[in-house]
């Protein structure tokens, strides 16, 4: 019984760590997309021709600002790439 509970706890904790912010991910072509890349670099690496969504994001000081958000689905992960002033400042990942 203890082994079953240990396995269950491990599964729950491992899935919780996979969801959240990340600083980079690999595109389907194998290119590394990371924080600090420009919007043009992102679109080139992802070979994407999509329009971004617009979201209002709050920084750690409480100020809201406009960000462009691109969403990409790669295998079982969904990546949201946030861009402000032409550069990636945040990447989130989540299971699809």
C-alpha atoms as a PDB file:
ATOM      1  CA  UNK A   1       0.000   0.000   0.000  1.00  0.00           C
ATOM      2  CA  UNK A   2       2.845   2.380   0.824  1.00  0.00           C
ATOM      3  CA  UNK A   3       4.402   1.769  -2.579  1.00  0.00           C
ATOM      4  CA  UNK A   4       1.165   2.647  -4.335  1.00  0.00           C
ATOM      5  CA  UNK A   5       0.840   5.876  -2.361  1.00  0.00           C
ATOM      6  CA  UNK A   6       4.480   6.753  -3.073  1.00  0.00           C
ATOM      7  CA  UNK A   7       3.968   6.182  -6.827  1.00  0.00           C
ATOM      8  CA  UNK A   8       0.796   8.271  -6.800  1.00  0.00           C
ATOM      9  CA  UNK A   9       2.550  11.119  -4.968  1.00  0.00           C
ATOM     10  CA  UNK A  10       5.438  10.989  -7.439  1.00  0.00           C
ATOM     11  CA  UNK A  11       3.072  11.190 -10.432  1.00  0.00           C
ATOM     12  CA  UNK A  12       1.213  14.156  -9.006  1.00  0.00           C
ATOM     13  CA  UNK A  13       4.369  16.070  -8.092  1.00  0.00           C
ATOM     14  CA  UNK A  14       6.097  15.416 -11.426  1.00  0.00           C
ATOM     15  CA  UNK A  15       3.130  16.710 -13.416  1.00  0.00           C
ATOM     16  CA  UNK A  16       2.957  19.826 -11.250  1.00  0.00           C
ATOM     17  CA  UNK A  17       6.570  20.738 -12.011  1.00  0.00           C
ATOM     18  CA  UNK A  18       6.051  20.514 -15.779  1.00  0.00           C
ATOM     19  CA  UNK A  19       3.488  23.315 -15.818  1.00  0.00           C
ATOM     20  CA  UNK A  20       4.594  26.920 -15.525  1.00  0.00           C
ATOM     21  CA  UNK A  21       7.262  29.331 -16.682  1.00  0.00           C
ATOM     22  CA  UNK A  22      10.300  28.253 -18.633  1.00  0.00           C
ATOM     23  CA  UNK A  23      13.163  30.177 -20.204  1.00  0.00           C
ATOM     24  CA  UNK A  24      13.403  28.239 -23.491  1.00  0.00           C
ATOM     25  CA  UNK A  25      12.014  25.437 -25.653  1.00  0.00           C
ATOM     26  CA  UNK A  26      12.885  23.687 -28.910  1.00  0.00           C
ATOM     27  CA  UNK A  27      10.832  24.310 -32.031  1.00  0.00           C
ATOM     28  CA  UNK A  28       9.732  21.478 -34.305  1.00  0.00           C
ATOM     29  CA  UNK A  29      12.703  22.287 -36.566  1.00  0.00           C
ATOM     30  CA  UNK A  30      15.118  21.922 -33.633  1.00  0.00           C
ATOM     31  CA  UNK A  31      15.855  25.636 -33.152  1.00  0.00           C
ATOM     32  CA  UNK A  32      16.093  26.921 -29.588  1.00  0.00           C
ATOM     33  CA  UNK A  33      13.569  29.653 -28.728  1.00  0.00           C
ATOM     34  CA  UNK A  34      14.524  31.556 -25.581  1.00  0.00           C
ATOM     35  CA  UNK A  35      13.813  34.671 -23.561  1.00  0.00           C
ATOM     36  CA  UNK A  36      15.524  37.660 -25.152  1.00  0.00           C
ATOM     37  CA  UNK A  37      14.980  36.541 -28.749  1.00  0.00           C
ATOM     38  CA  UNK A  38      13.282  39.074 -31.009  1.00  0.00           C
ATOM     39  CA  UNK A  39       9.828  38.596 -32.486  1.00  0.00           C
ATOM     40  CA  UNK A  40      11.370  38.131 -35.948  1.00  0.00           C
ATOM     41  CA  UNK A  41      13.707  35.412 -34.617  1.00  0.00           C
ATOM     42  CA  UNK A  42      10.746  33.630 -32.995  1.00  0.00           C
ATOM     43  CA  UNK A  43       8.696  33.631 -36.189  1.00  0.00           C
ATOM     44  CA  UNK A  44      11.685  32.480 -38.220  1.00  0.00           C
ATOM     45  CA  UNK A  45      12.536  29.638 -35.819  1.00  0.00           C
ATOM     46  CA  UNK A  46       8.913  28.510 -35.573  1.00  0.00           C
ATOM     47  CA  UNK A  47       8.271  29.060 -39.297  1.00  0.00           C
ATOM     48  CA  UNK A  48       5.027  30.704 -38.234  1.00  0.00           C
ATOM     49  CA  UNK A  49       2.825  33.171 -40.069  1.00  0.00           C
ATOM     50  CA  UNK A  50       0.219  33.780 -37.410  1.00  0.00           C
ATOM     51  CA  UNK A  51      -1.044  36.928 -35.772  1.00  0.00           C
ATOM     52  CA  UNK A  52      -0.483  37.315 -32.039  1.00  0.00           C
ATOM     53  CA  UNK A  53      -3.184  37.755 -29.444  1.00  0.00           C
ATOM     54  CA  UNK A  54      -3.008  40.901 -27.321  1.00  0.00           C
ATOM     55  CA  UNK A  55      -3.041  40.596 -23.531  1.00  0.00           C
ATOM     56  CA  UNK A  56      -2.504  43.015 -20.697  1.00  0.00           C
ATOM     57  CA  UNK A  57       0.190  41.699 -18.361  1.00  0.00           C
ATOM     58  CA  UNK A  58       1.151  42.927 -14.916  1.00  0.00           C
ATOM     59  CA  UNK A  59       4.806  43.211 -13.910  1.00  0.00           C
ATOM     60  CA  UNK A  60       6.196  42.612 -10.413  1.00  0.00           C
ATOM     61  CA  UNK A  61       5.625  46.276  -9.484  1.00  0.00           C
ATOM     62  CA  UNK A  62       1.930  46.103 -10.336  1.00  0.00           C
ATOM     63  CA  UNK A  63       2.049  48.078 -13.584  1.00  0.00           C
ATOM     64  CA  UNK A  64       0.026  46.766 -16.508  1.00  0.00           C
ATOM     65  CA  UNK A  65       1.396  46.786 -20.022  1.00  0.00           C
ATOM     66  CA  UNK A  66       0.424  45.438 -23.419  1.00  0.00           C
ATOM     67  CA  UNK A  67       2.030  42.209 -24.640  1.00  0.00           C
ATOM     68  CA  UNK A  68       1.704  40.200 -27.828  1.00  0.00           C
ATOM     69  CA  UNK A  69       1.157  36.492 -27.155  1.00  0.00           C
ATOM     70  CA  UNK A  70       1.913  33.698 -29.595  1.00  0.00           C
ATOM     71  CA  UNK A  71       0.628  30.199 -28.805  1.00  0.00           C
ATOM     72  CA  UNK A  72       2.356  27.097 -30.170  1.00  0.00           C
ATOM     73  CA  UNK A  73       1.419  23.444 -29.714  1.00  0.00           C
ATOM     74  CA  UNK A  74       4.383  21.075 -29.908  1.00  0.00           C
ATOM     75  CA  UNK A  75       3.660  17.385 -29.297  1.00  0.00           C
ATOM     76  CA  UNK A  76       1.839  17.327 -25.930  1.00  0.00           C
ATOM     77  CA  UNK A  77       2.886  20.796 -24.743  1.00  0.00           C
ATOM     78  CA  UNK A  78       1.346  24.190 -25.340  1.00  0.00           C
ATOM     79  CA  UNK A  79       3.777  27.106 -25.196  1.00  0.00           C
ATOM     80  CA  UNK A  80       2.689  30.725 -24.810  1.00  0.00           C
ATOM     81  CA  UNK A  81       5.356  33.231 -25.806  1.00  0.00           C
ATOM     82  CA  UNK A  82       4.955  36.793 -24.481  1.00  0.00           C
ATOM     83  CA  UNK A  83       6.561  39.660 -26.387  1.00  0.00           C
ATOM     84  CA  UNK A  84       6.922  43.292 -25.393  1.00  0.00           C
ATOM     85  CA  UNK A  85       8.986  45.975 -27.132  1.00  0.00           C
ATOM     86  CA  UNK A  86       9.925  43.445 -29.814  1.00  0.00           C
ATOM     87  CA  UNK A  87      11.543  40.862 -27.493  1.00  0.00           C
ATOM     88  CA  UNK A  88      10.435  37.703 -25.696  1.00  0.00           C
ATOM     89  CA  UNK A  89      10.163  38.356 -21.961  1.00  0.00           C
ATOM     90  CA  UNK A  90       8.185  35.321 -20.788  1.00  0.00           C
ATOM     91  CA  UNK A  91       7.448  31.744 -21.904  1.00  0.00           C
ATOM     92  CA  UNK A  92       4.862  29.519 -20.239  1.00  0.00           C
ATOM     93  CA  UNK A  93       4.249  25.837 -20.854  1.00  0.00           C
ATOM     94  CA  UNK A  94       1.306  23.576 -20.131  1.00  0.00           C
ATOM     95  CA  UNK A  95       0.103  20.118 -21.144  1.00  0.00           C
ATOM     96  CA  UNK A  96      -2.452  20.048 -23.948  1.00  0.00           C
END
